[in-house]
Protein backbone atom coordinates (compact mmCIF):
# COMPACT_ATOMS: atom_id res chain seq x y z
CA MET A 1 16.63 16.20 12.85
CA SER A 2 16.72 18.81 10.11
CA LEU A 3 15.61 18.16 6.55
CA THR A 4 19.16 18.44 5.21
CA SER A 5 20.55 15.83 7.57
CA LEU A 6 17.57 13.57 6.85
CA VAL A 7 18.24 13.82 3.09
CA ILE A 8 21.93 13.10 3.58
CA THR A 9 21.18 10.11 5.79
CA ALA A 10 18.68 8.74 3.27
CA SER A 11 21.07 9.21 0.35
CA GLU A 12 23.92 7.45 2.16
CA ALA A 13 21.80 4.45 3.11
CA ASN A 14 22.35 1.66 0.63
CA GLY A 15 21.47 -1.99 0.63
CA GLU A 16 18.34 -4.08 0.74
CA ALA A 17 14.94 -2.68 1.56
CA ALA A 18 13.73 -3.30 5.10
CA VAL A 19 10.56 -4.98 3.83
CA ASN A 20 10.29 -7.22 0.78
CA PRO A 21 8.50 -5.34 -2.04
CA PHE A 22 6.37 -8.44 -2.70
CA VAL A 23 4.98 -8.14 0.83
CA ILE A 24 3.97 -4.55 0.21
CA GLY A 25 2.38 -5.52 -3.12
CA GLY A 26 0.53 -8.41 -1.50
CA ILE A 27 -0.86 -6.16 1.22
CA ALA A 28 -1.95 -3.57 -1.36
CA LEU A 29 -3.58 -6.28 -3.47
CA GLY A 30 -5.37 -7.67 -0.42
CA LEU A 31 -6.72 -4.25 0.53
CA LEU A 32 -7.95 -3.58 -3.00
CA LEU A 33 -9.61 -7.00 -3.25
CA PHE A 34 -11.27 -6.43 0.13
CA ALA A 35 -12.57 -3.06 -1.09
CA LEU A 36 -13.88 -4.72 -4.27
CA VAL A 37 -15.69 -7.43 -2.32
CA ALA A 38 -17.15 -4.86 0.09
CA LEU A 39 -18.40 -2.80 -2.85
CA MET A 40 -19.97 -5.83 -4.50
CA MET A 41 -21.69 -6.82 -1.25
CA PHE A 42 -22.95 -3.28 -0.71
CA GLY A 43 -24.48 -3.14 -4.20
CA ALA A 44 -25.90 -6.67 -4.18
CA GLY A 45 -29.27 -5.64 -2.71
CA ARG A 46 -29.87 -2.71 -5.02
CA GLU A 47 -31.75 -2.63 -8.28
CA HIS A 48 -29.88 -1.84 -11.44
CA SER A 49 -30.69 1.46 -13.10
């Protein structure tokens, strides 16, 4: 599929998103919170400078 036909297909597609945006936001929030907790656990045993 060429780039031109892909752009035309994407521009003609209208309607609801396939996935609810709140689901995507929830997943992103969960990943960021997991990274925060992992960072806090990693630094818990270290002395402060």
